[in-house]
């Protein structure tokens, strides 16, 4: 299979979980995929390039990634460009009054600052006529209060709002310009069998008071394999006619919010 494609995606967190499953799904559909993570990836395909990068190093992130994806982004045959902010630091479980400021800053660098920086870079690099799709992988903890998940949930809530604000700004900038086909999805993958779920299940009740609920999810076989949300995300990336900003949870019809 050729390494050239008119559909290119950059996906963060492709060393495992949803990110890895999504990269594999997009490759199966013929996309050229650039994966980003601190760890190496087991994905082997001429359509896949792995970029080792630490999302905590926000100040230099775009500069490090740009030389790797420049040729693909500049290709005049490119018709669809996608960004999936999937990687996230799930740490800092426990009551908020015990969170150290320096640890919170590191979590927000990975979960908020890096994704927002990448969204800005993608918008600046997009050209008229290019369909640009951006997906921020979210969580139920971004819209509901789960004791013990305050740091993680608040960071995802910040990213959700950042996506809404960017959509509003794009709408105000060029509301009637069909050449600027840029849309954003905030996506809740549901109860997925990931490292985050395992970390929560391994916590004590003092750290995560609702830990038994998460353990019950596994005991009842309710955990979803990563390939299911990966398929829904891929469908969104390939589709047209989206609102500027859309919210969706696994298996639930999307909710479109007016920008502005």
C-alpha atoms as a PDB file:
ATOM      1  CA  UNK A   1       0.000   0.000   0.000  1.00  0.00           C
ATOM      2  CA  UNK A   2       1.333   3.423  -0.892  1.00  0.00           C
ATOM      3  CA  UNK A   3       2.284   5.819   1.906  1.00  0.00           C
ATOM      4  CA  UNK A   4       0.531   8.632   0.023  1.00  0.00           C
ATOM      5  CA  UNK A   5      -3.067   9.480   0.809  1.00  0.00           C
ATOM      6  CA  UNK A   6      -5.405  12.410   0.276  1.00  0.00           C
ATOM      7  CA  UNK A   7      -6.625  11.930   3.864  1.00  0.00           C
ATOM      8  CA  UNK A   8      -4.118  12.583   6.666  1.00  0.00           C
ATOM      9  CA  UNK A   9      -4.628  12.357  10.424  1.00  0.00           C
ATOM     10  CA  UNK A  10      -2.506  13.177  13.441  1.00  0.00           C
ATOM     11  CA  UNK A  11      -3.571  11.130  16.464  1.00  0.00           C
ATOM     12  CA  UNK A  12      -2.052  11.516  19.913  1.00  0.00           C
ATOM     13  CA  UNK A  13      -1.678   8.604  22.299  1.00  0.00           C
ATOM     14  CA  UNK A  14      -1.320   5.837  19.698  1.00  0.00           C
ATOM     15  CA  UNK A  15       0.806   3.508  21.828  1.00  0.00           C
ATOM     16  CA  UNK A  16      -2.293   1.879  23.344  1.00  0.00           C
ATOM     17  CA  UNK A  17      -6.044   2.094  23.915  1.00  0.00           C
ATOM     18  CA  UNK A  18      -8.353   4.216  21.789  1.00  0.00           C
ATOM     19  CA  UNK A  19      -5.472   5.984  20.045  1.00  0.00           C
ATOM     20  CA  UNK A  20      -3.930   2.745  18.828  1.00  0.00           C
ATOM     21  CA  UNK A  21      -7.319   1.338  17.784  1.00  0.00           C
ATOM     22  CA  UNK A  22      -8.171   4.546  15.909  1.00  0.00           C
ATOM     23  CA  UNK A  23      -4.843   4.606  14.071  1.00  0.00           C
ATOM     24  CA  UNK A  24      -5.435   1.014  12.973  1.00  0.00           C
ATOM     25  CA  UNK A  25      -9.002   1.798  11.867  1.00  0.00           C
ATOM     26  CA  UNK A  26      -7.950   4.835   9.839  1.00  0.00           C
ATOM     27  CA  UNK A  27      -5.143   2.874   8.192  1.00  0.00           C
ATOM     28  CA  UNK A  28      -7.671   0.186   7.267  1.00  0.00           C
ATOM     29  CA  UNK A  29      -9.711   2.914   5.575  1.00  0.00           C
ATOM     30  CA  UNK A  30      -6.697   4.170   3.635  1.00  0.00           C
ATOM     31  CA  UNK A  31      -5.714   7.190   5.727  1.00  0.00           C
ATOM     32  CA  UNK A  32      -2.125   8.340   6.207  1.00  0.00           C
ATOM     33  CA  UNK A  33      -1.656   8.473  10.001  1.00  0.00           C
ATOM     34  CA  UNK A  34       0.921  10.223  12.147  1.00  0.00           C
ATOM     35  CA  UNK A  35       0.851   8.886  15.691  1.00  0.00           C
ATOM     36  CA  UNK A  36       2.239  10.798  18.668  1.00  0.00           C
ATOM     37  CA  UNK A  37       3.174   9.403  22.071  1.00  0.00           C
ATOM     38  CA  UNK A  38       6.038   9.181  24.523  1.00  0.00           C
ATOM     39  CA  UNK A  39       6.169   5.418  24.110  1.00  0.00           C
ATOM     40  CA  UNK A  40       6.888   3.421  20.968  1.00  0.00           C
ATOM     41  CA  UNK A  41       4.097   1.924  18.879  1.00  0.00           C
ATOM     42  CA  UNK A  42       3.600  -1.612  17.611  1.00  0.00           C
ATOM     43  CA  UNK A  43       1.694  -0.429  14.520  1.00  0.00           C
ATOM     44  CA  UNK A  44       3.430  -1.596  11.378  1.00  0.00           C
ATOM     45  CA  UNK A  45       2.141  -0.087   8.134  1.00  0.00           C
ATOM     46  CA  UNK A  46       3.557   2.064   5.314  1.00  0.00           C
ATOM     47  CA  UNK A  47       0.652   4.413   6.042  1.00  0.00           C
ATOM     48  CA  UNK A  48       1.784   4.960   9.640  1.00  0.00           C
ATOM     49  CA  UNK A  49       4.557   7.170  11.018  1.00  0.00           C
ATOM     50  CA  UNK A  50       5.286   7.275  14.730  1.00  0.00           C
ATOM     51  CA  UNK A  51       6.494  10.493  16.327  1.00  0.00           C
ATOM     52  CA  UNK A  52       8.010  10.244  19.793  1.00  0.00           C
ATOM     53  CA  UNK A  53       7.044  13.369  21.699  1.00  0.00           C
ATOM     54  CA  UNK A  54       6.204  14.383  25.256  1.00  0.00           C
ATOM     55  CA  UNK A  55       3.016  16.469  25.346  1.00  0.00           C
ATOM     56  CA  UNK A  56       4.206  18.109  28.550  1.00  0.00           C
ATOM     57  CA  UNK A  57       6.752  20.002  26.436  1.00  0.00           C
ATOM     58  CA  UNK A  58       4.057  22.264  25.027  1.00  0.00           C
ATOM     59  CA  UNK A  59       6.300  25.184  24.076  1.00  0.00           C
ATOM     60  CA  UNK A  60       8.189  23.120  21.502  1.00  0.00           C
ATOM     61  CA  UNK A  61       5.497  20.627  20.520  1.00  0.00           C
ATOM     62  CA  UNK A  62       4.353  22.145  17.210  1.00  0.00           C
ATOM     63  CA  UNK A  63       7.927  22.886  16.152  1.00  0.00           C
ATOM     64  CA  UNK A  64       8.888  19.248  16.753  1.00  0.00           C
ATOM     65  CA  UNK A  65       5.936  17.814  14.868  1.00  0.00           C
ATOM     66  CA  UNK A  66       5.833  20.171  11.899  1.00  0.00           C
ATOM     67  CA  UNK A  67       8.970  18.903  10.085  1.00  0.00           C
ATOM     68  CA  UNK A  68       7.552  15.377  10.215  1.00  0.00           C
ATOM     69  CA  UNK A  69       4.127  16.183   8.770  1.00  0.00           C
ATOM     70  CA  UNK A  70       5.078  19.129   6.538  1.00  0.00           C
ATOM     71  CA  UNK A  71       5.219  17.167   3.300  1.00  0.00           C
ATOM     72  CA  UNK A  72       1.849  15.519   3.875  1.00  0.00           C
ATOM     73  CA  UNK A  73       0.170  18.781   4.895  1.00  0.00           C
ATOM     74  CA  UNK A  74       1.609  20.707   1.952  1.00  0.00           C
ATOM     75  CA  UNK A  75       0.605  18.115  -0.643  1.00  0.00           C
ATOM     76  CA  UNK A  76      -1.874  19.844  -3.008  1.00  0.00           C
ATOM     77  CA  UNK A  77      -3.784  16.570  -3.408  1.00  0.00           C
ATOM     78  CA  UNK A  78      -4.664  16.555   0.310  1.00  0.00           C
ATOM     79  CA  UNK A  79      -8.419  16.956   0.721  1.00  0.00           C
ATOM     80  CA  UNK A  80      -9.022  15.986   4.377  1.00  0.00           C
ATOM     81  CA  UNK A  81      -6.880  16.748   7.423  1.00  0.00           C
ATOM     82  CA  UNK A  82      -7.731  15.445  10.888  1.00  0.00           C
ATOM     83  CA  UNK A  83      -6.508  15.982  14.433  1.00  0.00           C
ATOM     84  CA  UNK A  84      -7.541  13.664  17.251  1.00  0.00           C
ATOM     85  CA  UNK A  85      -6.506  14.829  20.711  1.00  0.00           C
ATOM     86  CA  UNK A  86      -6.740  11.449  22.406  1.00  0.00           C
ATOM     87  CA  UNK A  87      -3.723  11.328  24.736  1.00  0.00           C
ATOM     88  CA  UNK A  88      -4.358  12.334  28.322  1.00  0.00           C
ATOM     89  CA  UNK A  89      -2.706  12.085  31.687  1.00  0.00           C
ATOM     90  CA  UNK A  90      -5.110  10.196  33.966  1.00  0.00           C
ATOM     91  CA  UNK A  91      -3.082  10.785  37.116  1.00  0.00           C
ATOM     92  CA  UNK A  92      -3.761  12.867  40.222  1.00  0.00           C
ATOM     93  CA  UNK A  93      -6.553  10.673  41.480  1.00  0.00           C
ATOM     94  CA  UNK A  94      -7.782  11.788  44.869  1.00  0.00           C
ATOM     95  CA  UNK A  95      -9.370  14.767  46.651  1.00  0.00           C
ATOM     96  CA  UNK A  96      -8.601  18.167  45.151  1.00  0.00           C
ATOM     97  CA  UNK A  97      -7.435  19.561  48.451  1.00  0.00           C
ATOM     98  CA  UNK A  98      -4.495  17.170  48.285  1.00  0.00           C
ATOM     99  CA  UNK A  99      -3.370  18.014  44.755  1.00  0.00           C
ATOM    100  CA  UNK A 100       0.011  19.711  44.423  1.00  0.00           C
ATOM    101  CA  UNK A 101       0.100  22.756  42.172  1.00  0.00           C
ATOM    102  CA  UNK A 102       3.117  21.537  40.207  1.00  0.00           C
ATOM    103  CA  UNK A 103       1.431  18.207  39.470  1.00  0.00           C
ATOM    104  CA  UNK A 104      -1.748  19.959  38.375  1.00  0.00           C
ATOM    105  CA  UNK A 105       0.229  22.152  35.968  1.00  0.00           C
ATOM    106  CA  UNK A 106       1.785  19.056  34.404  1.00  0.00           C
ATOM    107  CA  UNK A 107      -1.613  17.385  33.981  1.00  0.00           C
ATOM    108  CA  UNK A 108      -3.089  20.511  32.405  1.00  0.00           C
ATOM    109  CA  UNK A 109      -0.130  20.737  30.022  1.00  0.00           C
ATOM    110  CA  UNK A 110      -0.957  17.302  28.621  1.00  0.00           C
ATOM    111  CA  UNK A 111      -4.760  17.433  28.812  1.00  0.00           C
ATOM    112  CA  UNK A 112      -5.416  21.072  27.898  1.00  0.00           C
ATOM    113  CA  UNK A 113      -2.455  23.160  26.750  1.00  0.00           C
ATOM    114  CA  UNK A 114      -1.053  20.642  24.256  1.00  0.00           C
ATOM    115  CA  UNK A 115      -4.422  19.870  22.591  1.00  0.00           C
ATOM    116  CA  UNK A 116      -5.335  23.566  22.362  1.00  0.00           C
ATOM    117  CA  UNK A 117      -1.917  24.326  20.889  1.00  0.00           C
ATOM    118  CA  UNK A 118      -2.368  21.593  18.282  1.00  0.00           C
ATOM    119  CA  UNK A 119      -5.861  22.813  17.372  1.00  0.00           C
ATOM    120  CA  UNK A 120      -4.491  26.295  16.771  1.00  0.00           C
ATOM    121  CA  UNK A 121      -1.644  24.945  14.665  1.00  0.00           C
ATOM    122  CA  UNK A 122      -4.035  22.872  12.541  1.00  0.00           C
ATOM    123  CA  UNK A 123      -6.342  25.814  11.902  1.00  0.00           C
ATOM    124  CA  UNK A 124      -3.418  28.023  10.884  1.00  0.00           C
ATOM    125  CA  UNK A 125      -2.097  25.357   8.535  1.00  0.00           C
ATOM    126  CA  UNK A 126      -5.415  24.607   6.857  1.00  0.00           C
ATOM    127  CA  UNK A 127      -6.002  26.064   3.429  1.00  0.00           C
ATOM    128  CA  UNK A 128      -9.262  26.995   1.674  1.00  0.00           C
ATOM    129  CA  UNK A 129     -11.001  23.933   0.305  1.00  0.00           C
ATOM    130  CA  UNK A 130      -9.419  21.561   2.825  1.00  0.00           C
ATOM    131  CA  UNK A 131     -11.813  19.695   5.125  1.00  0.00           C
ATOM    132  CA  UNK A 132     -10.440  19.919   8.656  1.00  0.00           C
ATOM    133  CA  UNK A 133     -11.840  17.660  11.377  1.00  0.00           C
ATOM    134  CA  UNK A 134     -10.778  17.940  15.017  1.00  0.00           C
ATOM    135  CA  UNK A 135     -11.809  15.543  17.786  1.00  0.00           C
ATOM    136  CA  UNK A 136     -11.170  16.045  21.489  1.00  0.00           C
ATOM    137  CA  UNK A 137     -11.623  12.776  23.353  1.00  0.00           C
ATOM    138  CA  UNK A 138     -13.504  13.683  26.523  1.00  0.00           C
ATOM    139  CA  UNK A 139     -15.076  11.916  29.492  1.00  0.00           C
ATOM    140  CA  UNK A 140     -18.248  11.871  31.550  1.00  0.00           C
ATOM    141  CA  UNK A 141     -16.165  13.446  34.322  1.00  0.00           C
ATOM    142  CA  UNK A 142     -15.994  16.624  32.214  1.00  0.00           C
ATOM    143  CA  UNK A 143     -19.707  17.288  32.701  1.00  0.00           C
ATOM    144  CA  UNK A 144     -20.476  15.518  36.007  1.00  0.00           C
ATOM    145  CA  UNK A 145     -18.726  15.660  39.374  1.00  0.00           C
ATOM    146  CA  UNK A 146     -17.001  12.395  40.335  1.00  0.00           C
ATOM    147  CA  UNK A 147     -15.281  12.566  43.738  1.00  0.00           C
ATOM    148  CA  UNK A 148     -11.609  11.731  43.364  1.00  0.00           C
ATOM    149  CA  UNK A 149     -11.511  12.598  39.649  1.00  0.00           C
ATOM    150  CA  UNK A 150     -11.474  16.373  40.073  1.00  0.00           C
ATOM    151  CA  UNK A 151      -8.113  17.073  38.467  1.00  0.00           C
ATOM    152  CA  UNK A 152      -8.732  14.824  35.466  1.00  0.00           C
ATOM    153  CA  UNK A 153     -12.377  15.856  35.038  1.00  0.00           C
ATOM    154  CA  UNK A 154     -11.677  19.578  35.297  1.00  0.00           C
ATOM    155  CA  UNK A 155      -8.905  19.337  32.709  1.00  0.00           C
ATOM    156  CA  UNK A 156     -11.238  17.587  30.283  1.00  0.00           C
ATOM    157  CA  UNK A 157     -13.945  20.162  31.026  1.00  0.00           C
ATOM    158  CA  UNK A 158     -11.455  22.892  30.099  1.00  0.00           C
ATOM    159  CA  UNK A 159     -10.665  21.160  26.804  1.00  0.00           C
ATOM    160  CA  UNK A 160     -14.375  20.742  26.053  1.00  0.00           C
ATOM    161  CA  UNK A 161     -14.917  24.462  26.556  1.00  0.00           C
ATOM    162  CA  UNK A 162     -11.849  25.322  24.482  1.00  0.00           C
ATOM    163  CA  UNK A 163     -13.343  23.396  21.578  1.00  0.00           C
ATOM    164  CA  UNK A 164     -16.641  25.241  21.946  1.00  0.00           C
ATOM    165  CA  UNK A 165     -14.880  28.606  22.053  1.00  0.00           C
ATOM    166  CA  UNK A 166     -12.740  27.832  19.000  1.00  0.00           C
ATOM    167  CA  UNK A 167     -15.859  26.813  17.082  1.00  0.00           C
ATOM    168  CA  UNK A 168     -17.539  30.065  18.111  1.00  0.00           C
ATOM    169  CA  UNK A 169     -14.519  32.069  16.973  1.00  0.00           C
ATOM    170  CA  UNK A 170     -14.420  30.283  13.613  1.00  0.00           C
ATOM    171  CA  UNK A 171     -18.121  30.920  13.126  1.00  0.00           C
ATOM    172  CA  UNK A 172     -17.725  34.619  13.900  1.00  0.00           C
ATOM    173  CA  UNK A 173     -14.741  34.849  11.578  1.00  0.00           C
ATOM    174  CA  UNK A 174     -16.274  33.269   8.464  1.00  0.00           C
ATOM    175  CA  UNK A 175     -19.865  32.083   9.057  1.00  0.00           C
ATOM    176  CA  UNK A 176     -20.797  31.831   5.381  1.00  0.00           C
ATOM    177  CA  UNK A 177     -17.472  30.742   3.861  1.00  0.00           C
ATOM    178  CA  UNK A 178     -17.885  27.164   2.546  1.00  0.00           C
ATOM    179  CA  UNK A 179     -14.164  27.015   1.800  1.00  0.00           C
ATOM    180  CA  UNK A 180     -13.477  26.870   5.545  1.00  0.00           C
ATOM    181  CA  UNK A 181     -14.819  23.425   6.313  1.00  0.00           C
ATOM    182  CA  UNK A 182     -13.530  23.192   9.898  1.00  0.00           C
ATOM    183  CA  UNK A 183     -15.491  21.303  12.546  1.00  0.00           C
ATOM    184  CA  UNK A 184     -14.855  20.115  16.112  1.00  0.00           C
ATOM    185  CA  UNK A 185     -16.211  17.114  18.016  1.00  0.00           C
ATOM    186  CA  UNK A 186     -16.083  16.621  21.790  1.00  0.00           C
ATOM    187  CA  UNK A 187     -16.408  12.854  22.136  1.00  0.00           C
ATOM    188  CA  UNK A 188     -17.150  10.768  25.219  1.00  0.00           C
ATOM    189  CA  UNK A 189     -16.083   7.177  24.500  1.00  0.00           C
ATOM    190  CA  UNK A 190     -18.018   5.716  27.414  1.00  0.00           C
ATOM    191  CA  UNK A 191     -16.712   3.008  29.751  1.00  0.00           C
ATOM    192  CA  UNK A 192     -13.728   1.844  27.714  1.00  0.00           C
ATOM    193  CA  UNK A 193     -11.242  -0.809  28.773  1.00  0.00           C
ATOM    194  CA  UNK A 194      -8.234   1.531  29.088  1.00  0.00           C
ATOM    195  CA  UNK A 195      -5.361   2.292  31.445  1.00  0.00           C
ATOM    196  CA  UNK A 196      -7.448   5.068  32.994  1.00  0.00           C
ATOM    197  CA  UNK A 197     -10.174   2.610  34.000  1.00  0.00           C
ATOM    198  CA  UNK A 198      -7.579   0.248  35.443  1.00  0.00           C
ATOM    199  CA  UNK A 199      -5.992   3.048  37.460  1.00  0.00           C
ATOM    200  CA  UNK A 200      -9.340   4.048  38.949  1.00  0.00           C
ATOM    201  CA  UNK A 201     -10.266   0.450  39.803  1.00  0.00           C
ATOM    202  CA  UNK A 202      -6.963   0.047  41.603  1.00  0.00           C
ATOM    203  CA  UNK A 203      -7.623   3.027  43.856  1.00  0.00           C
ATOM    204  CA  UNK A 204      -8.830   2.996  47.438  1.00  0.00           C
ATOM    205  CA  UNK A 205     -12.171   4.398  48.586  1.00  0.00           C
ATOM    206  CA  UNK A 206     -10.260   7.224  50.268  1.00  0.00           C
ATOM    207  CA  UNK A 207      -8.786   8.188  46.890  1.00  0.00           C
ATOM    208  CA  UNK A 208     -11.854   7.552  44.716  1.00  0.00           C
ATOM    209  CA  UNK A 209     -15.007   7.211  46.871  1.00  0.00           C
ATOM    210  CA  UNK A 210     -16.948   5.738  43.914  1.00  0.00           C
ATOM    211  CA  UNK A 211     -14.314   3.098  43.165  1.00  0.00           C
ATOM    212  CA  UNK A 212     -16.766   0.207  43.664  1.00  0.00           C
ATOM    213  CA  UNK A 213     -18.871   1.482  40.782  1.00  0.00           C
ATOM    214  CA  UNK A 214     -15.869   1.296  38.455  1.00  0.00           C
ATOM    215  CA  UNK A 215     -14.974  -2.179  39.714  1.00  0.00           C
ATOM    216  CA  UNK A 216     -18.539  -3.264  39.071  1.00  0.00           C
ATOM    217  CA  UNK A 217     -18.297  -2.083  35.469  1.00  0.00           C
ATOM    218  CA  UNK A 218     -15.517  -4.639  34.916  1.00  0.00           C
ATOM    219  CA  UNK A 219     -17.187  -7.388  36.946  1.00  0.00           C
ATOM    220  CA  UNK A 220     -20.391  -7.050  34.908  1.00  0.00           C
ATOM    221  CA  UNK A 221     -18.543  -7.068  31.593  1.00  0.00           C
ATOM    222  CA  UNK A 222     -19.616  -3.532  30.741  1.00  0.00           C
ATOM    223  CA  UNK A 223     -16.227  -2.304  29.582  1.00  0.00           C
ATOM    224  CA  UNK A 224     -16.180  -1.406  25.899  1.00  0.00           C
ATOM    225  CA  UNK A 225     -13.252  -2.451  23.657  1.00  0.00           C
ATOM    226  CA  UNK A 226     -11.341   0.543  22.233  1.00  0.00           C
ATOM    227  CA  UNK A 227     -12.226  -0.397  18.655  1.00  0.00           C
ATOM    228  CA  UNK A 228     -15.865   0.657  19.173  1.00  0.00           C
ATOM    229  CA  UNK A 229     -15.243   4.344  19.940  1.00  0.00           C
ATOM    230  CA  UNK A 230     -12.438   4.283  17.357  1.00  0.00           C
ATOM    231  CA  UNK A 231     -14.945   3.356  14.652  1.00  0.00           C
ATOM    232  CA  UNK A 232     -17.317   6.188  15.624  1.00  0.00           C
ATOM    233  CA  UNK A 233     -14.485   8.718  15.637  1.00  0.00           C
ATOM    234  CA  UNK A 234     -13.329   7.527  12.211  1.00  0.00           C
ATOM    235  CA  UNK A 235     -16.875   7.867  10.860  1.00  0.00           C
ATOM    236  CA  UNK A 236     -16.970  11.471  12.069  1.00  0.00           C
ATOM    237  CA  UNK A 237     -13.625  12.270  10.445  1.00  0.00           C
ATOM    238  CA  UNK A 238     -14.805  10.962   7.089  1.00  0.00           C
ATOM    239  CA  UNK A 239     -18.247  12.589   7.103  1.00  0.00           C
ATOM    240  CA  UNK A 240     -19.388  16.012   5.934  1.00  0.00           C
ATOM    241  CA  UNK A 241     -22.183  18.328   7.000  1.00  0.00           C
ATOM    242  CA  UNK A 242     -21.203  18.681  10.664  1.00  0.00           C
ATOM    243  CA  UNK A 243     -21.983  21.739  12.774  1.00  0.00           C
ATOM    244  CA  UNK A 244     -18.938  23.721  13.857  1.00  0.00           C
ATOM    245  CA  UNK A 245     -19.116  22.079  17.274  1.00  0.00           C
ATOM    246  CA  UNK A 246     -20.713  18.736  18.088  1.00  0.00           C
ATOM    247  CA  UNK A 247     -20.863  16.634  21.240  1.00  0.00           C
ATOM    248  CA  UNK A 248     -21.347  12.901  21.229  1.00  0.00           C
ATOM    249  CA  UNK A 249     -21.187   9.917  23.558  1.00  0.00           C
ATOM    250  CA  UNK A 250     -20.563   6.373  22.353  1.00  0.00           C
ATOM    251  CA  UNK A 251     -23.716   4.908  20.850  1.00  0.00           C
ATOM    252  CA  UNK A 252     -25.755   8.097  21.353  1.00  0.00           C
ATOM    253  CA  UNK A 253     -26.838  10.412  18.496  1.00  0.00           C
ATOM    254  CA  UNK A 254     -24.752  13.600  18.344  1.00  0.00           C
ATOM    255  CA  UNK A 255     -25.815  16.880  19.907  1.00  0.00           C
ATOM    256  CA  UNK A 256     -25.016  19.942  17.836  1.00  0.00           C
ATOM    257  CA  UNK A 257     -24.497  23.185  19.689  1.00  0.00           C
ATOM    258  CA  UNK A 258     -24.803  26.582  18.093  1.00  0.00           C
ATOM    259  CA  UNK A 259     -21.491  28.410  18.055  1.00  0.00           C
ATOM    260  CA  UNK A 260     -21.596  31.799  19.681  1.00  0.00           C
END
